[in-house]
Amino acid sequence: MGVMIATGQPARPDELRVMLHGLGQVFGALGRALVCLGPDFRILHGTPELDRLAGAGAAGAMAGRPVEELLGPELLG
C-alpha cells in the first residue's frame, strides 16, 4: 500500500516528493529530522536536517538502508 491522497488514489511520485518536502520543512523548522520507512523498515527518505545531526551527506547516504543502522539494534534489533 502506497501513500494515499485526499482522492483515495495512490500518490504519484511527484506528489509524494512535494508532500515529503513540505513535511521536511515543518520538521526542520522545529529542529527535527523526518525519516520515512518502507514496509521492510528500510529508509525511503530522510530530510536534510539529518545532515546536521549525523554529518554532511547523511540523508542521501541513508536511503535504502535498514533503519536499525540509524537508530541502533537496541531499539530495532
PDB file of N, CA and C in Angstrom:
ATOM      1  N   MET A   1       0.846  -1.174   0.000  1.00  0.00           N
ATOM      2  CA  MET A   1       0.000   0.000   0.000  1.00  0.00           C
ATOM      3  C   MET A   1       0.890   1.235   0.000  1.00  0.00           C
ATOM      4  N   GLY A   2       0.626   2.147  -0.923  1.00  0.00           N
ATOM      5  CA  GLY A   2       1.389   3.375  -1.009  1.00  0.00           C
ATOM      6  C   GLY A   2       0.715   4.500  -0.242  1.00  0.00           C
ATOM      7  N   VAL A   3       1.286   5.671  -0.379  1.00  0.00           N
ATOM      8  CA  VAL A   3       0.711   6.865   0.242  1.00  0.00           C
ATOM      9  C   VAL A   3      -0.533   7.250  -0.532  1.00  0.00           C
ATOM     10  N   MET A   4      -1.620   7.480   0.180  1.00  0.00           N
ATOM     11  CA  MET A   4      -2.880   7.857  -0.449  1.00  0.00           C
ATOM     12  C   MET A   4      -3.093   9.358  -0.290  1.00  0.00           C
ATOM     13  N   ILE A   5      -3.695   9.971  -1.286  1.00  0.00           N
ATOM     14  CA  ILE A   5      -4.030  11.387  -1.205  1.00  0.00           C
ATOM     15  C   ILE A   5      -5.524  11.523  -0.954  1.00  0.00           C
ATOM     16  N   ALA A   6      -6.013  12.742  -0.838  1.00  0.00           N
ATOM     17  CA  ALA A   6      -7.405  13.001  -0.459  1.00  0.00           C
ATOM     18  C   ALA A   6      -8.414  12.329  -1.384  1.00  0.00           C
ATOM     19  N   THR A   7      -8.068  12.081  -2.623  1.00  0.00           N
ATOM     20  CA  THR A   7      -8.998  11.458  -3.566  1.00  0.00           C
ATOM     21  C   THR A   7      -9.119   9.957  -3.351  1.00  0.00           C
ATOM     22  N   GLY A   8      -8.286   9.403  -2.487  1.00  0.00           N
ATOM     23  CA  GLY A   8      -8.279   7.959  -2.268  1.00  0.00           C
ATOM     24  C   GLY A   8      -7.389   7.215  -3.244  1.00  0.00           C
ATOM     25  N   GLN A   9      -6.729   7.944  -4.124  1.00  0.00           N
ATOM     26  CA  GLN A   9      -5.830   7.349  -5.107  1.00  0.00           C
ATOM     27  C   GLN A   9      -4.400   7.367  -4.580  1.00  0.00           C
ATOM     28  N   PRO A  10      -3.578   6.418  -5.019  1.00  0.00           N
ATOM     29  CA  PRO A  10      -2.168   6.455  -4.613  1.00  0.00           C
ATOM     30  C   PRO A  10      -1.500   7.734  -5.121  1.00  0.00           C
ATOM     31  N   ALA A  11      -0.607   8.273  -4.322  1.00  0.00           N
ATOM     32  CA  ALA A  11       0.127   9.480  -4.709  1.00  0.00           C
ATOM     33  C   ALA A  11       1.117   9.152  -5.819  1.00  0.00           C
ATOM     34  N   ARG A  12       1.208  10.042  -6.797  1.00  0.00           N
ATOM     35  CA  ARG A  12       2.219   9.912  -7.844  1.00  0.00           C
ATOM     36  C   ARG A  12       3.572  10.296  -7.244  1.00  0.00           C
ATOM     37  N   PRO A  13       4.667   9.839  -7.849  1.00  0.00           N
ATOM     38  CA  PRO A  13       5.993  10.181  -7.308  1.00  0.00           C
ATOM     39  C   PRO A  13       6.218  11.684  -7.146  1.00  0.00           C
ATOM     40  N   ASP A  14       5.737  12.501  -8.102  1.00  0.00           N
ATOM     41  CA  ASP A  14       5.930  13.949  -7.978  1.00  0.00           C
ATOM     42  C   ASP A  14       5.113  14.515  -6.818  1.00  0.00           C
ATOM     43  N   GLU A  15       3.907  13.983  -6.591  1.00  0.00           N
ATOM     44  CA  GLU A  15       3.095  14.419  -5.451  1.00  0.00           C
ATOM     45  C   GLU A  15       3.759  14.023  -4.136  1.00  0.00           C
ATOM     46  N   LEU A  16       4.305  12.823  -4.112  1.00  0.00           N
ATOM     47  CA  LEU A  16       4.973  12.339  -2.908  1.00  0.00           C
ATOM     48  C   LEU A  16       6.184  13.206  -2.573  1.00  0.00           C
ATOM     49  N   ARG A  17       6.962  13.581  -3.589  1.00  0.00           N
ATOM     50  CA  ARG A  17       8.121  14.455  -3.359  1.00  0.00           C
ATOM     51  C   ARG A  17       7.692  15.791  -2.760  1.00  0.00           C
ATOM     52  N   VAL A  18       6.606  16.361  -3.271  1.00  0.00           N
ATOM     53  CA  VAL A  18       6.115  17.640  -2.754  1.00  0.00           C
ATOM     54  C   VAL A  18       5.663  17.484  -1.305  1.00  0.00           C
ATOM     55  N   MET A  19       4.939  16.395  -1.011  1.00  0.00           N
ATOM     56  CA  MET A  19       4.478  16.161   0.365  1.00  0.00           C
ATOM     57  C   MET A  19       5.654  15.990   1.319  1.00  0.00           C
ATOM     58  N   LEU A  20       6.632  15.195   0.922  1.00  0.00           N
ATOM     59  CA  LEU A  20       7.784  14.962   1.787  1.00  0.00           C
ATOM     60  C   LEU A  20       8.592  16.236   1.983  1.00  0.00           C
ATOM     61  N   HIS A  21       8.699  17.040   0.940  1.00  0.00           N
ATOM     62  CA  HIS A  21       9.410  18.316   1.077  1.00  0.00           C
ATOM     63  C   HIS A  21       8.691  19.209   2.090  1.00  0.00           C
ATOM     64  N   GLY A  22       7.372  19.311   1.980  1.00  0.00           N
ATOM     65  CA  GLY A  22       6.600  20.132   2.918  1.00  0.00           C
ATOM     66  C   GLY A  22       6.720  19.644   4.344  1.00  0.00           C
ATOM     67  N   LEU A  23       6.590  18.340   4.531  1.00  0.00           N
ATOM     68  CA  LEU A  23       6.741  17.779   5.879  1.00  0.00           C
ATOM     69  C   LEU A  23       8.149  18.000   6.407  1.00  0.00           C
ATOM     70  N   GLY A  24       9.130  17.857   5.528  1.00  0.00           N
ATOM     71  CA  GLY A  24      10.513  18.090   5.934  1.00  0.00           C
ATOM     72  C   GLY A  24      10.742  19.520   6.385  1.00  0.00           C
ATOM     73  N   GLN A  25      10.106  20.470   5.711  1.00  0.00           N
ATOM     74  CA  GLN A  25      10.228  21.874   6.100  1.00  0.00           C
ATOM     75  C   GLN A  25       9.648  22.106   7.491  1.00  0.00           C
ATOM     76  N   VAL A  26       8.510  21.492   7.765  1.00  0.00           N
ATOM     77  CA  VAL A  26       7.881  21.633   9.088  1.00  0.00           C
ATOM     78  C   VAL A  26       8.789  21.043  10.165  1.00  0.00           C
ATOM     79  N   PHE A  27       9.262  19.822   9.945  1.00  0.00           N
ATOM     80  CA  PHE A  27      10.132  19.190  10.930  1.00  0.00           C
ATOM     81  C   PHE A  27      11.423  19.981  11.100  1.00  0.00           C
ATOM     82  N   GLY A  28      12.008  20.460   9.992  1.00  0.00           N
ATOM     83  CA  GLY A  28      13.237  21.240  10.060  1.00  0.00           C
ATOM     84  C   GLY A  28      13.057  22.527  10.844  1.00  0.00           C
ATOM     85  N   ALA A  29      11.905  23.182  10.673  1.00  0.00           N
ATOM     86  CA  ALA A  29      11.633  24.415  11.418  1.00  0.00           C
ATOM     87  C   ALA A  29      11.569  24.154  12.917  1.00  0.00           C
ATOM     88  N   LEU A  30      11.224  22.934  13.274  1.00  0.00           N
ATOM     89  CA  LEU A  30      11.170  22.545  14.685  1.00  0.00           C
ATOM     90  C   LEU A  30      12.501  21.977  15.175  1.00  0.00           C
ATOM     91  N   GLY A  31      13.509  21.963  14.284  1.00  0.00           N
ATOM     92  CA  GLY A  31      14.813  21.421  14.651  1.00  0.00           C
ATOM     93  C   GLY A  31      14.828  19.907  14.693  1.00  0.00           C
ATOM     94  N   ARG A  32      13.928  19.298  13.941  1.00  0.00           N
ATOM     95  CA  ARG A  32      13.804  17.841  13.934  1.00  0.00           C
ATOM     96  C   ARG A  32      14.023  17.296  12.528  1.00  0.00           C
ATOM     97  N   ALA A  33      14.390  16.040  12.461  1.00  0.00           N
ATOM     98  CA  ALA A  33      14.544  15.351  11.186  1.00  0.00           C
ATOM     99  C   ALA A  33      13.343  14.437  10.971  1.00  0.00           C
ATOM    100  N   LEU A  34      13.060  14.152   9.719  1.00  0.00           N
ATOM    101  CA  LEU A  34      11.986  13.234   9.351  1.00  0.00           C
ATOM    102  C   LEU A  34      12.609  12.082   8.584  1.00  0.00           C
ATOM    103  N   VAL A  35      12.289  10.868   8.985  1.00  0.00           N
ATOM    104  CA  VAL A  35      12.746   9.673   8.295  1.00  0.00           C
ATOM    105  C   VAL A  35      11.505   8.873   7.924  1.00  0.00           C
ATOM    106  N   CYS A  36      11.352   8.571   6.641  1.00  0.00           N
ATOM    107  CA  CYS A  36      10.219   7.774   6.164  1.00  0.00           C
ATOM    108  C   CYS A  36      10.711   6.367   5.858  1.00  0.00           C
ATOM    109  N   LEU A  37       9.956   5.388   6.344  1.00  0.00           N
ATOM    110  CA  LEU A  37      10.339   3.985   6.191  1.00  0.00           C
ATOM    111  C   LEU A  37       9.383   3.250   5.272  1.00  0.00           C
ATOM    112  N   GLY A  38       9.911   2.243   4.599  1.00  0.00           N
ATOM    113  CA  GLY A  38       9.079   1.348   3.815  1.00  0.00           C
ATOM    114  C   GLY A  38       8.585   0.207   4.682  1.00  0.00           C
ATOM    115  N   PRO A  39       7.759  -0.661   4.124  1.00  0.00           N
ATOM    116  CA  PRO A  39       7.209  -1.773   4.901  1.00  0.00           C
ATOM    117  C   PRO A  39       8.272  -2.746   5.414  1.00  0.00           C
ATOM    118  N   ASP A  40       9.460  -2.719   4.813  1.00  0.00           N
ATOM    119  CA  ASP A  40      10.559  -3.587   5.244  1.00  0.00           C
ATOM    120  C   ASP A  40      11.508  -2.873   6.213  1.00  0.00           C
ATOM    121  N   PHE A  41      11.082  -1.709   6.724  1.00  0.00           N
ATOM    122  CA  PHE A  41      11.859  -0.904   7.672  1.00  0.00           C
ATOM    123  C   PHE A  41      13.181  -0.409   7.088  1.00  0.00           C
ATOM    124  N   ARG A  42      13.178  -0.175   5.788  1.00  0.00           N
ATOM    125  CA  ARG A  42      14.316   0.470   5.136  1.00  0.00           C
ATOM    126  C   ARG A  42      13.967   1.936   4.924  1.00  0.00           C
ATOM    127  N   ILE A  43      14.980   2.782   4.986  1.00  0.00           N
ATOM    128  CA  ILE A  43      14.772   4.222   4.866  1.00  0.00           C
ATOM    129  C   ILE A  43      14.476   4.574   3.412  1.00  0.00           C
ATOM    130  N   LEU A  44      13.315   5.188   3.199  1.00  0.00           N
ATOM    131  CA  LEU A  44      12.929   5.644   1.871  1.00  0.00           C
ATOM    132  C   LEU A  44      13.323   7.098   1.645  1.00  0.00           C
ATOM    133  N   HIS A  45      13.273   7.881   2.714  1.00  0.00           N
ATOM    134  CA  HIS A  45      13.516   9.318   2.600  1.00  0.00           C
ATOM    135  C   HIS A  45      14.005   9.845   3.938  1.00  0.00           C
ATOM    136  N   GLY A  46      14.968  10.712   3.892  1.00  0.00           N
ATOM    137  CA  GLY A  46      15.428  11.424   5.084  1.00  0.00           C
ATOM    138  C   GLY A  46      15.552  12.897   4.756  1.00  0.00           C
ATOM    139  N   THR A  47      15.151  13.752   5.673  1.00  0.00           N
ATOM    140  CA  THR A  47      15.203  15.193   5.426  1.00  0.00           C
ATOM    141  C   THR A  47      16.629  15.718   5.581  1.00  0.00           C
ATOM    142  N   PRO A  48      16.909  16.866   4.977  1.00  0.00           N
ATOM    143  CA  PRO A  48      18.249  17.460   5.082  1.00  0.00           C
ATOM    144  C   PRO A  48      18.694  17.714   6.522  1.00  0.00           C
ATOM    145  N   GLU A  49      17.767  17.813   7.447  1.00  0.00           N
ATOM    146  CA  GLU A  49      18.125  18.014   8.857  1.00  0.00           C
ATOM    147  C   GLU A  49      19.003  16.862   9.361  1.00  0.00           C
ATOM    148  N   LEU A  50      18.895  15.694   8.746  1.00  0.00           N
ATOM    149  CA  LEU A  50      19.757  14.565   9.122  1.00  0.00           C
ATOM    150  C   LEU A  50      21.225  14.899   8.899  1.00  0.00           C
ATOM    151  N   ASP A  51      21.509  15.708   7.885  1.00  0.00           N
ATOM    152  CA  ASP A  51      22.896  16.097   7.625  1.00  0.00           C
ATOM    153  C   ASP A  51      23.469  16.872   8.806  1.00  0.00           C
ATOM    154  N   ARG A  52      22.657  17.724   9.412  1.00  0.00           N
ATOM    155  CA  ARG A  52      23.119  18.490  10.574  1.00  0.00           C
ATOM    156  C   ARG A  52      23.319  17.572  11.773  1.00  0.00           C
ATOM    157  N   LEU A  53      22.449  16.594  11.912  1.00  0.00           N
ATOM    158  CA  LEU A  53      22.508  15.702  13.072  1.00  0.00           C
ATOM    159  C   LEU A  53      23.540  14.587  12.925  1.00  0.00           C
ATOM    160  N   ALA A  54      23.688  14.065  11.703  1.00  0.00           N
ATOM    161  CA  ALA A  54      24.528  12.884  11.506  1.00  0.00           C
ATOM    162  C   ALA A  54      25.718  13.121  10.584  1.00  0.00           C
ATOM    163  N   GLY A  55      25.892  14.337  10.079  1.00  0.00           N
ATOM    164  CA  GLY A  55      27.026  14.641   9.220  1.00  0.00           C
ATOM    165  C   GLY A  55      26.619  14.881   7.778  1.00  0.00           C
ATOM    166  N   ALA A  56      27.436  15.644   7.082  1.00  0.00           N
ATOM    167  CA  ALA A  56      27.154  16.012   5.691  1.00  0.00           C
ATOM    168  C   ALA A  56      26.936  14.778   4.825  1.00  0.00           C
ATOM    169  N   GLY A  57      25.878  14.792   4.038  1.00  0.00           N
ATOM    170  CA  GLY A  57      25.562  13.692   3.137  1.00  0.00           C
ATOM    171  C   GLY A  57      24.811  12.542   3.774  1.00  0.00           C
ATOM    172  N   ALA A  58      24.521  12.633   5.060  1.00  0.00           N
ATOM    173  CA  ALA A  58      23.871  11.525   5.770  1.00  0.00           C
ATOM    174  C   ALA A  58      22.494  11.201   5.207  1.00  0.00           C
ATOM    175  N   ALA A  59      21.705  12.220   4.904  1.00  0.00           N
ATOM    176  CA  ALA A  59      20.336  11.987   4.423  1.00  0.00           C
ATOM    177  C   ALA A  59      20.343  11.164   3.140  1.00  0.00           C
ATOM    178  N   GLY A  60      21.187  11.528   2.195  1.00  0.00           N
ATOM    179  CA  GLY A  60      21.255  10.791   0.940  1.00  0.00           C
ATOM    180  C   GLY A  60      21.856   9.409   1.096  1.00  0.00           C
ATOM    181  N   ALA A  61      22.848   9.288   1.962  1.00  0.00           N
ATOM    182  CA  ALA A  61      23.529   8.006   2.154  1.00  0.00           C
ATOM    183  C   ALA A  61      22.653   6.976   2.854  1.00  0.00           C
ATOM    184  N   MET A  62      21.658   7.430   3.589  1.00  0.00           N
ATOM    185  CA  MET A  62      20.817   6.504   4.355  1.00  0.00           C
ATOM    186  C   MET A  62      19.708   5.873   3.524  1.00  0.00           C
ATOM    187  N   ALA A  63      19.394   6.443   2.383  1.00  0.00           N
ATOM    188  CA  ALA A  63      18.315   5.906   1.553  1.00  0.00           C
ATOM    189  C   ALA A  63      18.585   4.448   1.196  1.00  0.00           C
ATOM    190  N   GLY A  64      17.598   3.602   1.433  1.00  0.00           N
ATOM    191  CA  GLY A  64      17.697   2.185   1.125  1.00  0.00           C
ATOM    192  C   GLY A  64      18.306   1.329   2.224  1.00  0.00           C
ATOM    193  N   ARG A  65      18.819   1.949   3.264  1.00  0.00           N
ATOM    194  CA  ARG A  65      19.469   1.199   4.347  1.00  0.00           C
ATOM    195  C   ARG A  65      18.459   0.846   5.427  1.00  0.00           C
ATOM    196  N   PRO A  66      18.707  -0.210   6.181  1.00  0.00           N
ATOM    197  CA  PRO A  66      17.810  -0.561   7.287  1.00  0.00           C
ATOM    198  C   PRO A  66      17.821   0.535   8.353  1.00  0.00           C
ATOM    199  N   VAL A  67      16.662   0.867   8.892  1.00  0.00           N
ATOM    200  CA  VAL A  67      16.569   1.915   9.909  1.00  0.00           C
ATOM    201  C   VAL A  67      17.360   1.534  11.158  1.00  0.00           C
ATOM    202  N   GLU A  68      17.580   0.261  11.371  1.00  0.00           N
ATOM    203  CA  GLU A  68      18.380  -0.206  12.505  1.00  0.00           C
ATOM    204  C   GLU A  68      19.775   0.411  12.479  1.00  0.00           C
ATOM    205  N   GLU A  69      20.324   0.641  11.283  1.00  0.00           N
ATOM    206  CA  GLU A  69      21.647   1.259  11.181  1.00  0.00           C
ATOM    207  C   GLU A  69      21.638   2.699  11.682  1.00  0.00           C
ATOM    208  N   LEU A  70      20.505   3.366  11.576  1.00  0.00           N
ATOM    209  CA  LEU A  70      20.391   4.746  12.042  1.00  0.00           C
ATOM    210  C   LEU A  70      20.080   4.807  13.530  1.00  0.00           C
ATOM    211  N   LEU A  71      19.134   4.010  13.972  1.00  0.00           N
ATOM    212  CA  LEU A  71      18.663   4.091  15.357  1.00  0.00           C
ATOM    213  C   LEU A  71      19.310   3.087  16.296  1.00  0.00           C
ATOM    214  N   GLY A  72      19.988   2.089  15.735  1.00  0.00           N
ATOM    215  CA  GLY A  72      20.693   1.116  16.558  1.00  0.00           C
ATOM    216  C   GLY A  72      19.881  -0.126  16.863  1.00  0.00           C
ATOM    217  N   PRO A  73      20.578  -1.237  17.072  1.00  0.00           N
ATOM    218  CA  PRO A  73      19.906  -2.508  17.347  1.00  0.00           C
ATOM    219  C   PRO A  73      19.191  -2.524  18.695  1.00  0.00           C
ATOM    220  N   GLU A  74      19.582  -1.618  19.600  1.00  0.00           N
ATOM    221  CA  GLU A  74      18.915  -1.575  20.901  1.00  0.00           C
ATOM    222  C   GLU A  74      17.434  -1.250  20.742  1.00  0.00           C
ATOM    223  N   LEU A  75      17.107  -0.428  19.763  1.00  0.00           N
ATOM    224  CA  LEU A  75      15.714  -0.058  19.522  1.00  0.00           C
ATOM    225  C   LEU A  75      15.010  -1.007  18.571  1.00  0.00           C
ATOM    226  N   LEU A  76      15.749  -1.497  17.568  1.00  0.00           N
ATOM    227  CA  LEU A  76      15.091  -2.244  16.499  1.00  0.00           C
ATOM    228  C   LEU A  76      15.688  -3.613  16.217  1.00  0.00           C
ATOM    229  N   GLY A  77      16.702  -4.008  16.949  1.00  0.00           N
ATOM    230  CA  GLY A  77      17.384  -5.268  16.657  1.00  0.00           C
ATOM    231  C   GLY A  77      16.664  -6.489  17.123  1.00  0.00           C
TER     232      GLY A  77
END
